[in-house]
Amino acid sequence: MNFTERQQQILAYLRQYGSASLQQLMEFTNSSESSIRRDLTELDKQQLIDRFHGGATLNQPLLSEKSLLEKSDESLTEKQEIMKLAAQHIRYGECIYLDAGSTIIHLIPHIVNKNVTVVTNGLMHVPLLMEQNIETVIIGGKVKAKTQAVIGAKAITQFQQYYFDRAFIGANGFSELQGYTTADSEEATLKQLAIKQSKQAYIVADHSKFGLSQFAKFGDLEDAILITSGLTDAQYEQLEKRTEVLRA
């Protein structure tokens, strides 16, 4: 494999997974660490990727965001395992907040017999919650079509009336330096409130979000317990210096 072919393989991997460690790229391309580092340096110069300690992410506009339909089939098994683990931390009779998102929805089948009350801003969650006869409060306000999330001033006003035993919140990116981020500042406001108004907040995100950062920050790593999977031991250890991490 020549240098250009290896670069193309690196970019293909990052397009599929969003981010990668040096070790993952070495194994994927069957190349040495020094070769991968040279490739990453060159791709970084071309502004095709962003480097971070021990790996790289695909360079994406800070405001870019996939639709809910595009997200729903990505890392499906991983999302299901993350939310199965998340459900184990919910106690009988609690009031919980479910953020809008393609990962969060996979929690619902695991809370059927827990007698919980759910507050959510995710329109996509409501049919499944109703199907399972789960007591539900839907936040009112402006609907963001791309993610089916309720946002805006009215949503914030209503949201401020509630407190939760636990909140489960999605993130478009998480990293040691930038913390938890998302593409939309209005969604970030609700996520930030959910952290503030819950006894315990959990950020749920699959491995492809690691090392990514987007336009709006809504918390530092230590503000919530992180539930994720698919990272390297080194990446887990890096995050665990800042917050509690549950490995799905």
C-alpha atoms as a PDB file:
ATOM      1  CA  MET A   1       0.000   0.000   0.000  1.00  0.00           C
ATOM      2  CA  ASN A   2       1.399   3.388  -0.896  1.00  0.00           C
ATOM      3  CA  PHE A   3       0.994   6.590   1.097  1.00  0.00           C
ATOM      4  CA  THR A   4      -2.029   7.891  -0.811  1.00  0.00           C
ATOM      5  CA  GLU A   5      -3.943   4.618  -0.549  1.00  0.00           C
ATOM      6  CA  ARG A   6      -3.376   4.534   3.194  1.00  0.00           C
ATOM      7  CA  GLN A   7      -4.656   8.087   3.562  1.00  0.00           C
ATOM      8  CA  GLN A   8      -7.801   7.126   1.665  1.00  0.00           C
ATOM      9  CA  GLN A   9      -8.326   4.173   3.994  1.00  0.00           C
ATOM     10  CA  ILE A  10      -7.906   6.422   7.031  1.00  0.00           C
ATOM     11  CA  LEU A  11     -10.479   8.862   5.676  1.00  0.00           C
ATOM     12  CA  ALA A  12     -12.889   6.026   4.868  1.00  0.00           C
ATOM     13  CA  TYR A  13     -12.572   4.725   8.441  1.00  0.00           C
ATOM     14  CA  LEU A  14     -13.196   8.182   9.890  1.00  0.00           C
ATOM     15  CA  ARG A  15     -16.210   8.740   7.638  1.00  0.00           C
ATOM     16  CA  GLN A  16     -17.719   5.521   8.988  1.00  0.00           C
ATOM     17  CA  TYR A  17     -16.847   5.895  12.676  1.00  0.00           C
ATOM     18  CA  GLY A  18     -16.267   9.628  13.172  1.00  0.00           C
ATOM     19  CA  SER A  19     -13.096   9.191  15.205  1.00  0.00           C
ATOM     20  CA  ALA A  20     -10.293   6.664  15.685  1.00  0.00           C
ATOM     21  CA  SER A  21      -7.290   5.998  17.872  1.00  0.00           C
ATOM     22  CA  LEU A  22      -3.815   5.449  16.496  1.00  0.00           C
ATOM     23  CA  GLN A  23      -4.086   1.766  17.418  1.00  0.00           C
ATOM     24  CA  GLN A  24      -7.363   1.345  15.539  1.00  0.00           C
ATOM     25  CA  LEU A  25      -5.904   2.955  12.409  1.00  0.00           C
ATOM     26  CA  MET A  26      -2.729   0.868  12.668  1.00  0.00           C
ATOM     27  CA  GLU A  27      -4.797  -2.328  12.793  1.00  0.00           C
ATOM     28  CA  PHE A  28      -7.198  -1.206  10.074  1.00  0.00           C
ATOM     29  CA  THR A  29      -4.437  -0.310   7.616  1.00  0.00           C
ATOM     30  CA  ASN A  30      -1.883  -2.875   8.826  1.00  0.00           C
ATOM     31  CA  SER A  31       0.662  -0.054   9.153  1.00  0.00           C
ATOM     32  CA  SER A  32       3.230   1.114  11.686  1.00  0.00           C
ATOM     33  CA  GLU A  33       2.575   3.880  14.215  1.00  0.00           C
ATOM     34  CA  SER A  34       5.118   6.156  12.541  1.00  0.00           C
ATOM     35  CA  SER A  35       3.375   5.745   9.163  1.00  0.00           C
ATOM     36  CA  ILE A  36      -0.019   6.565  10.625  1.00  0.00           C
ATOM     37  CA  ARG A  37       1.362   9.608  12.427  1.00  0.00           C
ATOM     38  CA  ARG A  38       2.844  10.919   9.149  1.00  0.00           C
ATOM     39  CA  ASP A  39      -0.468  10.375   7.384  1.00  0.00           C
ATOM     40  CA  LEU A  40      -2.415  12.140  10.114  1.00  0.00           C
ATOM     41  CA  THR A  41      -0.024  15.071  10.012  1.00  0.00           C
ATOM     42  CA  GLU A  42      -0.545  15.402   6.260  1.00  0.00           C
ATOM     43  CA  LEU A  43      -4.333  15.034   6.468  1.00  0.00           C
ATOM     44  CA  ASP A  44      -4.407  17.597   9.264  1.00  0.00           C
ATOM     45  CA  LYS A  45      -2.476  20.059   7.075  1.00  0.00           C
ATOM     46  CA  GLN A  46      -5.101  19.564   4.377  1.00  0.00           C
ATOM     47  CA  GLN A  47      -7.797  20.300   7.012  1.00  0.00           C
ATOM     48  CA  LEU A  48      -9.466  16.967   6.334  1.00  0.00           C
ATOM     49  CA  ILE A  49      -9.119  15.769   9.935  1.00  0.00           C
ATOM     50  CA  ASP A  50      -8.611  17.126  13.437  1.00  0.00           C
ATOM     51  CA  ARG A  51      -5.888  15.574  15.581  1.00  0.00           C
ATOM     52  CA  PHE A  52      -6.326  14.819  19.271  1.00  0.00           C
ATOM     53  CA  HIS A  53      -4.064  13.060  21.753  1.00  0.00           C
ATOM     54  CA  GLY A  54      -3.769   9.471  20.541  1.00  0.00           C
ATOM     55  CA  GLY A  55      -5.966   9.725  17.453  1.00  0.00           C
ATOM     56  CA  ALA A  56      -8.016  11.830  15.059  1.00  0.00           C
ATOM     57  CA  THR A  57     -11.542  12.811  14.061  1.00  0.00           C
ATOM     58  CA  LEU A  58     -13.038  13.728  10.724  1.00  0.00           C
ATOM     59  CA  ASN A  59     -13.117  17.486  10.217  1.00  0.00           C
ATOM     60  CA  GLN A  60     -16.793  18.455  10.233  1.00  0.00           C
ATOM     61  CA  PRO A  61     -18.465  21.880  10.348  1.00  0.00           C
ATOM     62  CA  LEU A  62     -19.382  22.738  13.937  1.00  0.00           C
ATOM     63  CA  LEU A  63     -23.014  23.319  12.999  1.00  0.00           C
ATOM     64  CA  SER A  64     -23.441  20.186  10.876  1.00  0.00           C
ATOM     65  CA  GLU A  65     -25.945  17.632  12.134  1.00  0.00           C
ATOM     66  CA  LYS A  66     -27.486  14.503  10.665  1.00  0.00           C
ATOM     67  CA  SER A  67     -31.222  13.971  10.659  1.00  0.00           C
ATOM     68  CA  LEU A  68     -32.846  11.560  13.098  1.00  0.00           C
ATOM     69  CA  LEU A  69     -33.451   9.124  10.231  1.00  0.00           C
ATOM     70  CA  GLU A  70     -29.759   9.209   9.284  1.00  0.00           C
ATOM     71  CA  LYS A  71     -28.697   8.621  12.883  1.00  0.00           C
ATOM     72  CA  SER A  72     -31.176   5.870  13.705  1.00  0.00           C
ATOM     73  CA  ASP A  73     -29.317   2.992  12.022  1.00  0.00           C
ATOM     74  CA  GLU A  74     -25.805   4.080  12.979  1.00  0.00           C
ATOM     75  CA  SER A  75     -24.049   1.946  15.634  1.00  0.00           C
ATOM     76  CA  LEU A  76     -27.436   0.373  16.390  1.00  0.00           C
ATOM     77  CA  THR A  77     -26.212  -2.589  18.452  1.00  0.00           C
ATOM     78  CA  GLU A  78     -23.859  -0.346  20.397  1.00  0.00           C
ATOM     79  CA  LYS A  79     -26.656   2.109  21.217  1.00  0.00           C
ATOM     80  CA  GLN A  80     -28.882  -0.728  22.407  1.00  0.00           C
ATOM     81  CA  GLU A  81     -26.167  -2.054  24.736  1.00  0.00           C
ATOM     82  CA  ILE A  82     -25.464   1.431  26.120  1.00  0.00           C
ATOM     83  CA  MET A  83     -29.105   1.995  26.991  1.00  0.00           C
ATOM     84  CA  LYS A  84     -29.527  -1.501  28.428  1.00  0.00           C
ATOM     85  CA  LEU A  85     -26.749  -0.635  30.866  1.00  0.00           C
ATOM     86  CA  ALA A  86     -28.276   2.793  31.540  1.00  0.00           C
ATOM     87  CA  ALA A  87     -31.609   1.201  32.508  1.00  0.00           C
ATOM     88  CA  GLN A  88     -29.928  -0.785  35.281  1.00  0.00           C
ATOM     89  CA  HIS A  89     -29.393   2.470  37.195  1.00  0.00           C
ATOM     90  CA  ILE A  90     -33.082   3.429  37.270  1.00  0.00           C
ATOM     91  CA  ARG A  91     -34.949   2.594  40.471  1.00  0.00           C
ATOM     92  CA  TYR A  92     -38.611   1.702  40.766  1.00  0.00           C
ATOM     93  CA  GLY A  93     -40.949   4.693  40.838  1.00  0.00           C
ATOM     94  CA  GLU A  94     -38.437   7.354  39.796  1.00  0.00           C
ATOM     95  CA  CYS A  95     -39.057  10.419  37.649  1.00  0.00           C
ATOM     96  CA  ILE A  96     -36.627  10.449  34.739  1.00  0.00           C
ATOM     97  CA  TYR A  97     -35.851  12.809  31.870  1.00  0.00           C
ATOM     98  CA  LEU A  98     -35.257  11.411  28.396  1.00  0.00           C
ATOM     99  CA  ASP A  99     -33.499  13.736  25.997  1.00  0.00           C
ATOM    100  CA  ALA A 100     -34.431  13.635  22.311  1.00  0.00           C
ATOM    101  CA  GLY A 101     -32.150  11.385  20.297  1.00  0.00           C
ATOM    102  CA  SER A 102     -31.579   8.149  18.419  1.00  0.00           C
ATOM    103  CA  THR A 103     -29.644   6.575  21.298  1.00  0.00           C
ATOM    104  CA  ILE A 104     -32.027   7.500  24.132  1.00  0.00           C
ATOM    105  CA  ILE A 105     -35.025   5.788  22.526  1.00  0.00           C
ATOM    106  CA  HIS A 106     -33.450   2.383  23.175  1.00  0.00           C
ATOM    107  CA  LEU A 107     -33.917   2.889  26.925  1.00  0.00           C
ATOM    108  CA  ILE A 108     -37.707   2.665  26.710  1.00  0.00           C
ATOM    109  CA  PRO A 109     -38.076  -1.152  26.344  1.00  0.00           C
ATOM    110  CA  HIS A 110     -36.053  -1.579  29.552  1.00  0.00           C
ATOM    111  CA  ILE A 111     -38.233   0.620  31.802  1.00  0.00           C
ATOM    112  CA  VAL A 112     -41.623  -0.972  31.178  1.00  0.00           C
ATOM    113  CA  ASN A 113     -41.881  -2.563  34.638  1.00  0.00           C
ATOM    114  CA  LYS A 114     -40.198   0.183  36.665  1.00  0.00           C
ATOM    115  CA  ASN A 115     -43.295   2.364  37.271  1.00  0.00           C
ATOM    116  CA  VAL A 116     -41.399   5.481  36.201  1.00  0.00           C
ATOM    117  CA  THR A 117     -42.691   8.874  35.131  1.00  0.00           C
ATOM    118  CA  VAL A 118     -40.946  10.152  32.011  1.00  0.00           C
ATOM    119  CA  VAL A 119     -40.473  13.781  31.025  1.00  0.00           C
ATOM    120  CA  THR A 120     -39.127  14.251  27.509  1.00  0.00           C
ATOM    121  CA  ASN A 121     -38.594  16.770  24.726  1.00  0.00           C
ATOM    122  CA  GLY A 122     -38.285  13.985  22.148  1.00  0.00           C
ATOM    123  CA  LEU A 123     -41.340  13.574  19.932  1.00  0.00           C
ATOM    124  CA  MET A 124     -39.959  10.298  18.590  1.00  0.00           C
ATOM    125  CA  HIS A 125     -40.154   8.773  22.089  1.00  0.00           C
ATOM    126  CA  VAL A 126     -43.843   9.439  22.673  1.00  0.00           C
ATOM    127  CA  PRO A 127     -45.460   6.662  20.531  1.00  0.00           C
ATOM    128  CA  LEU A 128     -43.297   3.975  22.136  1.00  0.00           C
ATOM    129  CA  LEU A 129     -43.884   5.361  25.634  1.00  0.00           C
ATOM    130  CA  MET A 130     -47.639   5.347  25.000  1.00  0.00           C
ATOM    131  CA  GLU A 131     -47.497   1.829  23.590  1.00  0.00           C
ATOM    132  CA  GLN A 132     -45.842   0.670  26.820  1.00  0.00           C
ATOM    133  CA  ASN A 133     -48.322   2.578  29.036  1.00  0.00           C
ATOM    134  CA  ILE A 134     -45.544   4.603  30.638  1.00  0.00           C
ATOM    135  CA  GLU A 135     -46.700   7.816  32.329  1.00  0.00           C
ATOM    136  CA  THR A 136     -45.293  10.610  30.169  1.00  0.00           C
ATOM    137  CA  VAL A 137     -44.991  14.393  30.218  1.00  0.00           C
ATOM    138  CA  ILE A 138     -44.030  15.973  26.887  1.00  0.00           C
ATOM    139  CA  ILE A 139     -42.322  19.360  26.934  1.00  0.00           C
ATOM    140  CA  GLY A 140     -44.149  21.929  24.767  1.00  0.00           C
ATOM    141  CA  GLY A 141     -42.570  24.443  22.432  1.00  0.00           C
ATOM    142  CA  LYS A 142     -41.034  24.762  18.988  1.00  0.00           C
ATOM    143  CA  VAL A 143     -40.297  21.510  17.146  1.00  0.00           C
ATOM    144  CA  LYS A 144     -36.965  21.084  15.405  1.00  0.00           C
ATOM    145  CA  ALA A 145     -37.868  18.940  12.389  1.00  0.00           C
ATOM    146  CA  LYS A 146     -34.407  17.477  11.802  1.00  0.00           C
ATOM    147  CA  THR A 147     -34.130  15.851  15.234  1.00  0.00           C
ATOM    148  CA  GLN A 148     -37.805  15.886  16.328  1.00  0.00           C
ATOM    149  CA  ALA A 149     -36.723  17.708  19.492  1.00  0.00           C
ATOM    150  CA  VAL A 150     -38.888  20.323  21.215  1.00  0.00           C
ATOM    151  CA  ILE A 151     -36.836  23.477  21.865  1.00  0.00           C
ATOM    152  CA  GLY A 152     -37.223  27.223  22.340  1.00  0.00           C
ATOM    153  CA  ALA A 153     -38.294  29.713  25.016  1.00  0.00           C
ATOM    154  CA  LYS A 154     -41.602  27.996  25.859  1.00  0.00           C
ATOM    155  CA  ALA A 155     -39.831  24.674  26.301  1.00  0.00           C
ATOM    156  CA  ILE A 156     -37.292  26.265  28.647  1.00  0.00           C
ATOM    157  CA  THR A 157     -40.030  27.917  30.753  1.00  0.00           C
ATOM    158  CA  GLN A 158     -41.889  24.634  31.183  1.00  0.00           C
ATOM    159  CA  PHE A 159     -38.700  22.681  31.752  1.00  0.00           C
ATOM    160  CA  GLN A 160     -37.727  24.885  34.686  1.00  0.00           C
ATOM    161  CA  GLN A 161     -40.772  23.605  36.603  1.00  0.00           C
ATOM    162  CA  TYR A 162     -39.451  20.039  36.786  1.00  0.00           C
ATOM    163  CA  TYR A 163     -36.817  18.127  38.738  1.00  0.00           C
ATOM    164  CA  PHE A 164     -35.693  14.571  38.055  1.00  0.00           C
ATOM    165  CA  ASP A 165     -34.181  11.627  39.847  1.00  0.00           C
ATOM    166  CA  ARG A 166     -32.145  10.877  36.728  1.00  0.00           C
ATOM    167  CA  ALA A 167     -31.627  12.456  33.321  1.00  0.00           C
ATOM    168  CA  PHE A 168     -30.369  10.643  30.236  1.00  0.00           C
ATOM    169  CA  ILE A 169     -28.871  13.018  27.699  1.00  0.00           C
ATOM    170  CA  GLY A 170     -27.362  12.507  24.259  1.00  0.00           C
ATOM    171  CA  ALA A 171     -24.287  14.276  22.891  1.00  0.00           C
ATOM    172  CA  ASN A 172     -22.990  14.859  19.384  1.00  0.00           C
ATOM    173  CA  GLY A 173     -19.454  14.915  20.734  1.00  0.00           C
ATOM    174  CA  PHE A 174     -17.464  14.434  23.919  1.00  0.00           C
ATOM    175  CA  SER A 175     -13.807  15.055  24.634  1.00  0.00           C
ATOM    176  CA  GLU A 176     -11.473  15.717  27.524  1.00  0.00           C
ATOM    177  CA  LEU A 177     -10.908  19.352  26.524  1.00  0.00           C
ATOM    178  CA  GLN A 178     -14.257  20.450  25.059  1.00  0.00           C
ATOM    179  CA  GLY A 179     -16.545  18.403  27.314  1.00  0.00           C
ATOM    180  CA  TYR A 180     -20.036  17.599  25.979  1.00  0.00           C
ATOM    181  CA  THR A 181     -21.210  19.413  22.845  1.00  0.00           C
ATOM    182  CA  THR A 182     -24.034  19.507  20.330  1.00  0.00           C
ATOM    183  CA  ALA A 183     -24.725  21.353  17.087  1.00  0.00           C
ATOM    184  CA  ASP A 184     -27.750  23.383  18.216  1.00  0.00           C
ATOM    185  CA  SER A 185     -27.503  26.060  20.921  1.00  0.00           C
ATOM    186  CA  GLU A 186     -31.208  25.757  21.822  1.00  0.00           C
ATOM    187  CA  GLU A 187     -30.909  22.010  22.324  1.00  0.00           C
ATOM    188  CA  ALA A 188     -27.755  22.649  24.359  1.00  0.00           C
ATOM    189  CA  THR A 189     -29.736  24.897  26.726  1.00  0.00           C
ATOM    190  CA  LEU A 190     -32.214  22.117  27.510  1.00  0.00           C
ATOM    191  CA  LYS A 191     -29.437  19.571  27.965  1.00  0.00           C
ATOM    192  CA  GLN A 192     -27.682  21.939  30.356  1.00  0.00           C
ATOM    193  CA  LEU A 193     -30.918  22.420  32.330  1.00  0.00           C
ATOM    194  CA  ALA A 194     -31.444  18.645  32.480  1.00  0.00           C
ATOM    195  CA  ILE A 195     -28.025  18.229  34.074  1.00  0.00           C
ATOM    196  CA  LYS A 196     -28.719  21.008  36.552  1.00  0.00           C
ATOM    197  CA  GLN A 197     -32.199  19.808  37.548  1.00  0.00           C
ATOM    198  CA  SER A 198     -31.502  16.112  38.027  1.00  0.00           C
ATOM    199  CA  LYS A 199     -30.103  14.338  41.061  1.00  0.00           C
ATOM    200  CA  GLN A 200     -27.899  12.366  38.678  1.00  0.00           C
ATOM    201  CA  ALA A 201     -27.257  13.030  34.995  1.00  0.00           C
ATOM    202  CA  TYR A 202     -25.933  10.518  32.484  1.00  0.00           C
ATOM    203  CA  ILE A 203     -24.486  11.331  29.088  1.00  0.00           C
ATOM    204  CA  VAL A 204     -24.967   8.479  26.619  1.00  0.00           C
ATOM    205  CA  ALA A 205     -22.900   8.385  23.442  1.00  0.00           C
ATOM    206  CA  ASP A 206     -21.387   5.697  21.244  1.00  0.00           C
ATOM    207  CA  HIS A 207     -17.678   5.532  20.441  1.00  0.00           C
ATOM    208  CA  SER A 208     -17.967   7.553  17.211  1.00  0.00           C
ATOM    209  CA  LYS A 209     -18.678  10.706  19.275  1.00  0.00           C
ATOM    210  CA  PHE A 210     -15.371  10.482  21.148  1.00  0.00           C
ATOM    211  CA  GLY A 211     -12.983  13.314  20.320  1.00  0.00           C
ATOM    212  CA  LEU A 212     -15.636  15.263  18.414  1.00  0.00           C
ATOM    213  CA  SER A 213     -16.706  18.779  19.329  1.00  0.00           C
ATOM    214  CA  GLN A 214     -19.529  20.864  17.915  1.00  0.00           C
ATOM    215  CA  PHE A 215     -20.839  24.395  18.152  1.00  0.00           C
ATOM    216  CA  ALA A 216     -22.577  24.457  21.543  1.00  0.00           C
ATOM    217  CA  LYS A 217     -21.082  23.164  24.776  1.00  0.00           C
ATOM    218  CA  PHE A 218     -23.561  22.051  27.431  1.00  0.00           C
ATOM    219  CA  GLY A 219     -21.309  20.567  30.087  1.00  0.00           C
ATOM    220  CA  ASP A 220     -17.890  19.499  31.288  1.00  0.00           C
ATOM    221  CA  LEU A 221     -17.002  15.817  31.580  1.00  0.00           C
ATOM    222  CA  GLU A 222     -17.327  15.876  35.363  1.00  0.00           C
ATOM    223  CA  ASP A 223     -20.916  17.227  35.195  1.00  0.00           C
ATOM    224  CA  ALA A 224     -22.369  13.781  34.454  1.00  0.00           C
ATOM    225  CA  ILE A 225     -21.667  10.068  34.422  1.00  0.00           C
ATOM    226  CA  LEU A 226     -20.641   9.008  30.913  1.00  0.00           C
ATOM    227  CA  ILE A 227     -22.022   5.782  29.439  1.00  0.00           C
ATOM    228  CA  THR A 228     -20.231   4.698  26.276  1.00  0.00           C
ATOM    229  CA  SER A 229     -18.589   1.719  24.596  1.00  0.00           C
ATOM    230  CA  GLY A 230     -16.101   0.708  21.970  1.00  0.00           C
ATOM    231  CA  LEU A 231     -13.195   2.863  23.165  1.00  0.00           C
ATOM    232  CA  THR A 232      -9.642   1.698  23.702  1.00  0.00           C
ATOM    233  CA  ASP A 233      -8.324   1.107  27.218  1.00  0.00           C
ATOM    234  CA  ALA A 234      -6.186   4.231  26.872  1.00  0.00           C
ATOM    235  CA  GLN A 235      -9.196   6.335  25.902  1.00  0.00           C
ATOM    236  CA  TYR A 236     -11.241   5.002  28.818  1.00  0.00           C
ATOM    237  CA  GLU A 237      -8.399   5.739  31.234  1.00  0.00           C
ATOM    238  CA  GLN A 238      -8.082   9.249  29.825  1.00  0.00           C
ATOM    239  CA  LEU A 239     -11.782   9.947  30.441  1.00  0.00           C
ATOM    240  CA  GLU A 240     -11.850   8.267  33.851  1.00  0.00           C
ATOM    241  CA  LYS A 241      -9.382  10.823  35.157  1.00  0.00           C
ATOM    242  CA  ARG A 242     -12.172  13.396  34.803  1.00  0.00           C
ATOM    243  CA  THR A 243     -15.446  11.570  35.459  1.00  0.00           C
ATOM    244  CA  GLU A 244     -17.120   8.252  36.175  1.00  0.00           C
ATOM    245  CA  VAL A 245     -17.378   6.158  33.010  1.00  0.00           C
ATOM    246  CA  LEU A 246     -19.665   3.142  32.615  1.00  0.00           C
ATOM    247  CA  ARG A 247     -18.473   0.749  29.920  1.00  0.00           C
ATOM    248  CA  ALA A 248     -21.291  -0.902  27.979  1.00  0.00           C
END
